[in-house]
Amino acid sequence: MRTSRFRTYRGRCACSPGGARATEENCCPLYSLVTREGGRTPSAAVAALPFVVALAADPAMGARVPLVEVLVAMQAPALTEEDWTGAWALLADPEPAVRRAAIPLAAGLARLVERWRVETDPTVRLPLLLALGEGVSGQDGAGGSGDAVDEARAVLADVLGGHDPVLWVAAVHASAGLDRELPVRQLDRLIEVFSGLALRPRFEEVWYTPAVDGPWTREDLVRRTAGLLAHDPDAGLSFAVRLVGTADRTGDAALCREALDLAWRLLTERRSWKPPCCRWQAGC
């Protein structure tokens, strides 16, 4: 299961960031000191914010990605009036892993769209696209409108019409919050992309999300895509069965295992049979 890197560490460590030799574990006491617990923002967070920003922005500092994730976890209404300019600057950091981790710091669609226009690293573009979709969905749910929303929608539409198959899958995921029937309508192409043996390593090369350890595999994404079809059992079953068929023809054992697992879960969660009541209930 994919989890935030700090979830298992919180409150366990007793050291602090230590320059170029700093590790992820060194950031744990800082994380515990400045992030919310029980919904309350610690008083130390205000004083620590510029300090944490300076550490995360320092190219000579070790564990910069965990430090950026500390900043992400520090975001709270109590700190909205503080100066986050230095944190937003991390979106343009020279290190792709830092830029990727900083995406949740964008605090608005406009900044995400601006970053999308200039970002060239595929491992950053993909999570940016997912963040744009999440941002537009949130704005739509709140009745949002405006140039940034329109531009973000245009980005999603452009990628959906593009030729990069893995980025296209990301656009389907990013757009599903706006149109839950989109994955159903795109079922044929989703199966085609997931069944392409040559594309399998491409998912692990580019599909990263902030605060998640390691890349997503193709099998991870097959499972996640099945979740987008949960509202339509027929489409979910078709997805699993057709993937089994294509995997069998191409000898793709990893895809076959994942698709069979999806089919098994559908069978156990949505059983189509029921014992006749007269056999099990008295008086029938």
Protein backbone atom coordinates (compact mmCIF):
# COMPACT_ATOMS: atom_id res chain seq x y z
CA MET A 1 0.00 0.00 0.00
CA ARG A 2 1.29 3.43 -0.94
CA THR A 3 1.57 5.81 2.02
CA SER A 4 3.01 9.19 2.90
CA ARG A 5 6.65 8.84 3.84
CA PHE A 6 6.15 10.46 7.25
CA ARG A 7 3.20 8.39 8.40
CA THR A 8 5.31 5.66 9.97
CA TYR A 9 7.93 8.00 11.41
CA ARG A 10 5.93 10.68 13.17
CA GLY A 11 7.10 11.20 16.75
CA ARG A 12 9.70 8.42 16.69
CA CYS A 13 12.90 10.28 15.92
CA ALA A 14 15.00 12.42 18.19
CA CYS A 15 17.45 14.21 15.88
CA SER A 16 17.18 17.22 13.58
CA PRO A 17 18.21 18.07 9.99
CA GLY A 18 22.00 17.92 9.69
CA GLY A 19 23.23 19.71 6.58
CA ALA A 20 24.33 17.80 3.52
CA ARG A 21 24.27 14.53 5.48
CA ALA A 22 20.64 14.98 6.54
CA THR A 23 18.32 12.08 5.85
CA GLU A 24 14.58 11.64 5.70
CA GLU A 25 14.62 10.30 9.24
CA ASN A 26 16.38 13.45 10.45
CA CYS A 27 13.31 15.48 9.46
CA CYS A 28 10.91 13.57 11.70
CA PRO A 29 11.24 15.66 14.87
CA LEU A 30 10.78 18.81 12.80
CA TYR A 31 7.67 17.28 11.25
CA SER A 32 6.26 16.47 14.67
CA LEU A 33 7.02 19.98 15.93
CA VAL A 34 5.40 22.06 13.19
CA THR A 35 2.52 20.03 11.75
CA ARG A 36 -1.03 19.76 12.97
CA GLU A 37 -2.21 17.09 15.35
CA GLY A 38 -5.84 16.96 16.38
CA GLY A 39 -6.67 19.80 13.97
CA ARG A 40 -4.65 22.46 15.82
CA THR A 41 -1.66 24.23 14.30
CA PRO A 42 1.31 24.31 16.73
CA SER A 43 2.47 27.76 17.76
CA ALA A 44 5.99 26.82 16.64
CA ALA A 45 4.81 26.53 13.02
CA VAL A 46 4.71 30.29 12.44
CA ALA A 47 8.25 30.81 13.67
CA ALA A 48 9.54 27.71 11.88
CA LEU A 49 8.04 28.43 8.44
CA PRO A 50 10.85 30.64 7.04
CA PHE A 51 13.43 28.30 8.58
CA VAL A 52 11.93 25.23 6.89
CA VAL A 53 11.59 27.10 3.57
CA ALA A 54 15.26 28.09 3.73
CA LEU A 55 16.33 24.51 4.45
CA ALA A 56 14.23 23.08 1.61
CA ALA A 57 15.53 25.69 -0.85
CA ASP A 58 19.19 25.14 0.02
CA PRO A 59 20.78 23.02 -2.77
CA ALA A 60 23.51 21.92 -0.35
CA MET A 61 20.96 20.50 2.08
CA GLY A 62 20.30 16.79 2.31
CA ALA A 63 16.77 15.35 2.42
CA ARG A 64 15.28 18.27 0.51
CA VAL A 65 12.24 16.31 -0.68
CA PRO A 66 11.22 15.33 2.89
CA LEU A 67 11.68 18.98 3.90
CA VAL A 68 9.33 20.07 1.11
CA GLU A 69 6.85 17.48 2.37
CA VAL A 70 7.12 19.04 5.83
CA LEU A 71 6.08 22.34 4.23
CA VAL A 72 3.15 20.63 2.51
CA ALA A 73 2.02 19.19 5.84
CA MET A 74 2.34 22.62 7.48
CA GLN A 75 -0.30 24.17 5.23
CA ALA A 76 -3.21 25.24 7.41
CA PRO A 77 -5.68 28.13 7.66
CA ALA A 78 -3.73 29.47 10.63
CA LEU A 79 -0.73 30.06 8.36
CA THR A 80 -2.44 31.55 5.32
CA GLU A 81 -1.33 35.07 6.21
CA GLU A 82 2.33 34.05 6.44
CA ASP A 83 4.83 34.54 3.61
CA TRP A 84 4.83 31.43 1.41
CA THR A 85 6.68 33.06 -1.48
CA GLY A 86 9.82 31.03 -0.90
CA ALA A 87 7.81 27.82 -0.76
CA TRP A 88 6.08 28.60 -4.07
CA ALA A 89 9.50 29.21 -5.63
CA LEU A 90 10.25 25.51 -5.07
CA LEU A 91 7.91 24.76 -7.98
CA ALA A 92 10.72 26.05 -10.23
CA ASP A 93 13.59 24.39 -8.36
CA PRO A 94 16.34 22.89 -10.58
CA GLU A 95 15.77 19.44 -9.05
CA PRO A 96 12.77 17.58 -10.58
CA ALA A 97 12.09 15.60 -7.39
CA VAL A 98 11.84 18.85 -5.42
CA ARG A 99 9.52 20.41 -8.03
CA ARG A 100 7.34 17.32 -7.92
CA ALA A 101 7.13 17.32 -4.13
CA ALA A 102 6.27 21.04 -4.16
CA ILE A 103 3.18 20.67 -6.38
CA PRO A 104 0.76 20.62 -3.39
CA LEU A 105 2.25 23.96 -2.30
CA ALA A 106 0.93 25.71 -5.43
CA ALA A 107 -2.15 27.00 -3.58
CA GLY A 108 -4.22 27.64 -6.66
CA LEU A 109 -4.82 26.65 -10.26
CA ALA A 110 -3.14 29.72 -11.70
CA ARG A 111 0.25 28.71 -10.33
CA LEU A 112 -0.20 25.12 -11.54
CA VAL A 113 -1.13 26.27 -15.06
CA GLU A 114 1.83 28.62 -15.12
CA ARG A 115 4.15 25.77 -14.13
CA TRP A 116 2.61 23.43 -16.73
CA ARG A 117 3.47 25.87 -19.51
CA VAL A 118 7.20 25.69 -18.79
CA GLU A 119 7.68 22.23 -17.26
CA THR A 120 9.51 19.76 -19.51
CA ASP A 121 10.35 16.86 -17.19
CA PRO A 122 7.77 14.06 -17.71
CA THR A 123 8.02 12.93 -14.08
CA VAL A 124 6.83 16.40 -13.04
CA ARG A 125 4.37 17.04 -15.87
CA LEU A 126 2.31 13.97 -15.03
CA PRO A 127 1.65 14.84 -11.35
CA LEU A 128 1.06 18.44 -12.43
CA LEU A 129 -1.66 17.20 -14.76
CA LEU A 130 -3.26 15.18 -11.96
CA ALA A 131 -3.13 18.24 -9.69
CA LEU A 132 -4.80 20.35 -12.38
CA GLY A 133 -7.63 17.84 -12.63
CA GLU A 134 -8.06 17.76 -8.87
CA GLY A 135 -8.00 21.55 -8.73
CA VAL A 136 -10.62 21.96 -11.46
CA SER A 137 -12.86 19.36 -9.81
CA GLY A 138 -12.63 21.24 -6.53
CA GLN A 139 -13.41 24.57 -8.18
CA ASP A 140 -16.37 23.09 -10.05
CA GLY A 141 -17.75 21.62 -6.85
CA ALA A 142 -17.58 25.08 -5.28
CA GLY A 143 -19.11 26.74 -8.33
CA GLY A 144 -15.70 28.04 -9.38
CA SER A 145 -15.00 29.77 -12.67
CA GLY A 146 -12.45 32.10 -14.17
CA ASP A 147 -9.43 32.17 -16.43
CA ALA A 148 -7.38 29.66 -14.41
CA VAL A 149 -10.20 27.11 -14.42
CA ASP A 150 -10.74 27.57 -18.17
CA GLU A 151 -7.02 27.24 -18.85
CA ALA A 152 -6.76 24.11 -16.72
CA ARG A 153 -9.71 22.58 -18.53
CA ALA A 154 -8.03 23.43 -21.84
CA VAL A 155 -4.86 21.64 -20.69
CA LEU A 156 -6.84 18.51 -19.80
CA ALA A 157 -8.67 18.57 -23.13
CA ASP A 158 -5.43 19.04 -25.03
CA VAL A 159 -3.76 16.04 -23.36
CA LEU A 160 -6.85 13.90 -23.86
CA GLY A 161 -6.48 14.62 -27.57
CA GLY A 162 -2.73 14.03 -27.55
CA HIS A 163 -0.56 11.11 -28.58
CA ASP A 164 1.41 10.26 -25.41
CA PRO A 165 -0.42 7.13 -24.17
CA VAL A 166 0.76 7.25 -20.54
CA LEU A 167 0.08 10.96 -20.18
CA TRP A 168 -3.29 10.32 -21.82
CA VAL A 169 -4.13 7.78 -19.09
CA ALA A 170 -3.17 10.44 -16.54
CA ALA A 171 -5.53 12.89 -18.27
CA VAL A 172 -8.35 10.35 -18.04
CA HIS A 173 -7.71 10.03 -14.31
CA ALA A 174 -7.41 13.79 -13.93
CA SER A 175 -10.68 14.39 -15.79
CA ALA A 176 -12.75 11.64 -14.16
CA GLY A 177 -13.77 13.97 -11.33
CA LEU A 178 -15.35 16.25 -13.92
CA ASP A 179 -16.91 13.52 -16.06
CA ARG A 180 -17.18 10.13 -14.40
CA GLU A 181 -18.40 8.53 -17.62
CA LEU A 182 -15.17 9.45 -19.44
CA PRO A 183 -13.29 6.25 -18.40
CA VAL A 184 -16.29 4.19 -19.55
CA ARG A 185 -16.33 5.88 -22.95
CA GLN A 186 -12.56 5.44 -23.26
CA LEU A 187 -12.57 1.78 -22.22
CA ASP A 188 -11.26 0.50 -25.58
CA ARG A 189 -8.21 2.75 -25.55
CA LEU A 190 -7.51 2.15 -21.86
CA ILE A 191 -7.38 -1.58 -22.52
CA GLU A 192 -5.18 -1.00 -25.57
CA VAL A 193 -2.69 1.13 -23.60
CA PHE A 194 -2.52 -1.18 -20.59
CA SER A 195 -2.11 -4.20 -22.87
CA GLY A 196 0.87 -2.74 -24.72
CA LEU A 197 3.92 -4.66 -23.51
CA ALA A 198 6.28 -1.97 -24.77
CA LEU A 199 4.46 0.63 -22.66
CA ARG A 200 4.68 -1.27 -19.38
CA PRO A 201 8.05 0.20 -18.23
CA ARG A 202 6.97 3.68 -19.29
CA PHE A 203 4.50 3.89 -16.40
CA GLU A 204 7.25 3.32 -13.84
CA GLU A 205 9.48 5.82 -15.59
CA VAL A 206 7.11 8.78 -15.31
CA TRP A 207 4.15 8.11 -13.01
CA TYR A 208 5.10 9.71 -9.70
CA THR A 209 2.85 11.45 -7.21
CA PRO A 210 3.89 13.73 -4.32
CA ALA A 211 4.46 12.16 -0.89
CA VAL A 212 4.32 8.62 -2.31
CA ASP A 213 7.40 6.44 -2.12
CA GLY A 214 8.52 5.30 -5.55
CA PRO A 215 6.79 5.28 -8.92
CA TRP A 216 3.45 3.69 -9.75
CA THR A 217 3.62 0.49 -11.81
CA ARG A 218 1.34 -0.34 -14.69
CA GLU A 219 -0.42 -2.86 -12.44
CA ASP A 220 -0.96 -0.15 -9.81
CA LEU A 221 -2.62 1.98 -12.47
CA VAL A 222 -4.78 -0.87 -13.76
CA ARG A 223 -6.12 -1.25 -10.21
CA ARG A 224 -6.62 2.49 -9.83
CA THR A 225 -8.37 2.72 -13.20
CA ALA A 226 -10.75 -0.06 -12.15
CA GLY A 227 -11.75 2.21 -9.27
CA LEU A 228 -12.87 4.84 -11.79
CA LEU A 229 -15.29 2.26 -13.20
CA ALA A 230 -16.79 1.27 -9.84
CA HIS A 231 -20.05 3.12 -10.57
CA ASP A 232 -20.61 0.97 -13.68
CA PRO A 233 -20.30 -2.77 -12.83
CA ASP A 234 -20.71 -3.83 -16.45
CA ALA A 235 -17.83 -1.62 -17.57
CA GLY A 236 -15.69 -2.81 -14.66
CA LEU A 237 -16.32 -6.44 -15.57
CA SER A 238 -15.64 -5.79 -19.24
CA PHE A 239 -12.37 -4.07 -18.30
CA ALA A 240 -11.18 -7.04 -16.26
CA VAL A 241 -12.31 -9.76 -18.67
CA ARG A 242 -10.90 -8.08 -21.77
CA LEU A 243 -7.56 -7.46 -20.04
CA VAL A 244 -7.40 -11.16 -19.15
CA GLY A 245 -8.02 -12.01 -22.80
CA THR A 246 -5.35 -9.69 -24.19
CA ALA A 247 -2.86 -10.72 -21.51
CA ASP A 248 -3.43 -14.36 -22.36
CA ARG A 249 -2.81 -13.73 -26.06
CA THR A 250 0.41 -11.78 -25.46
CA GLY A 251 1.74 -13.91 -22.60
CA ASP A 252 1.65 -10.93 -20.21
CA ALA A 253 1.59 -12.76 -16.88
CA ALA A 254 1.74 -9.61 -14.69
CA LEU A 255 -1.27 -8.05 -16.41
CA CYS A 256 -3.16 -11.35 -16.33
CA ARG A 257 -2.66 -11.68 -12.57
CA GLU A 258 -3.86 -8.13 -11.95
CA ALA A 259 -6.91 -8.50 -14.20
CA LEU A 260 -7.84 -11.84 -12.63
CA ASP A 261 -7.62 -10.21 -9.22
CA LEU A 262 -9.97 -7.45 -10.40
CA ALA A 263 -12.42 -10.05 -11.74
CA TRP A 264 -12.27 -11.99 -8.48
CA ARG A 265 -13.04 -8.87 -6.46
CA LEU A 266 -15.98 -8.06 -8.71
CA LEU A 267 -17.29 -11.61 -8.25
CA THR A 268 -17.02 -11.48 -4.47
CA GLU A 269 -18.36 -7.94 -4.09
CA ARG A 270 -21.23 -8.21 -6.59
CA ARG A 271 -22.50 -11.78 -6.49
CA SER A 272 -25.13 -12.46 -9.12
CA TRP A 273 -26.69 -15.51 -7.44
CA LYS A 274 -28.79 -15.96 -4.35
CA PRO A 275 -29.96 -19.23 -2.75
CA PRO A 276 -33.69 -19.87 -3.31
CA CYS A 277 -35.49 -18.76 -0.17
CA CYS A 278 -37.53 -21.96 0.00
CA ARG A 279 -34.35 -23.99 0.59
CA TRP A 280 -33.10 -21.85 3.44
CA GLN A 281 -36.10 -20.27 5.10
CA ALA A 282 -38.91 -22.06 6.84
CA GLY A 283 -42.38 -21.27 5.64
CA CYS A 284 -41.49 -20.55 1.99
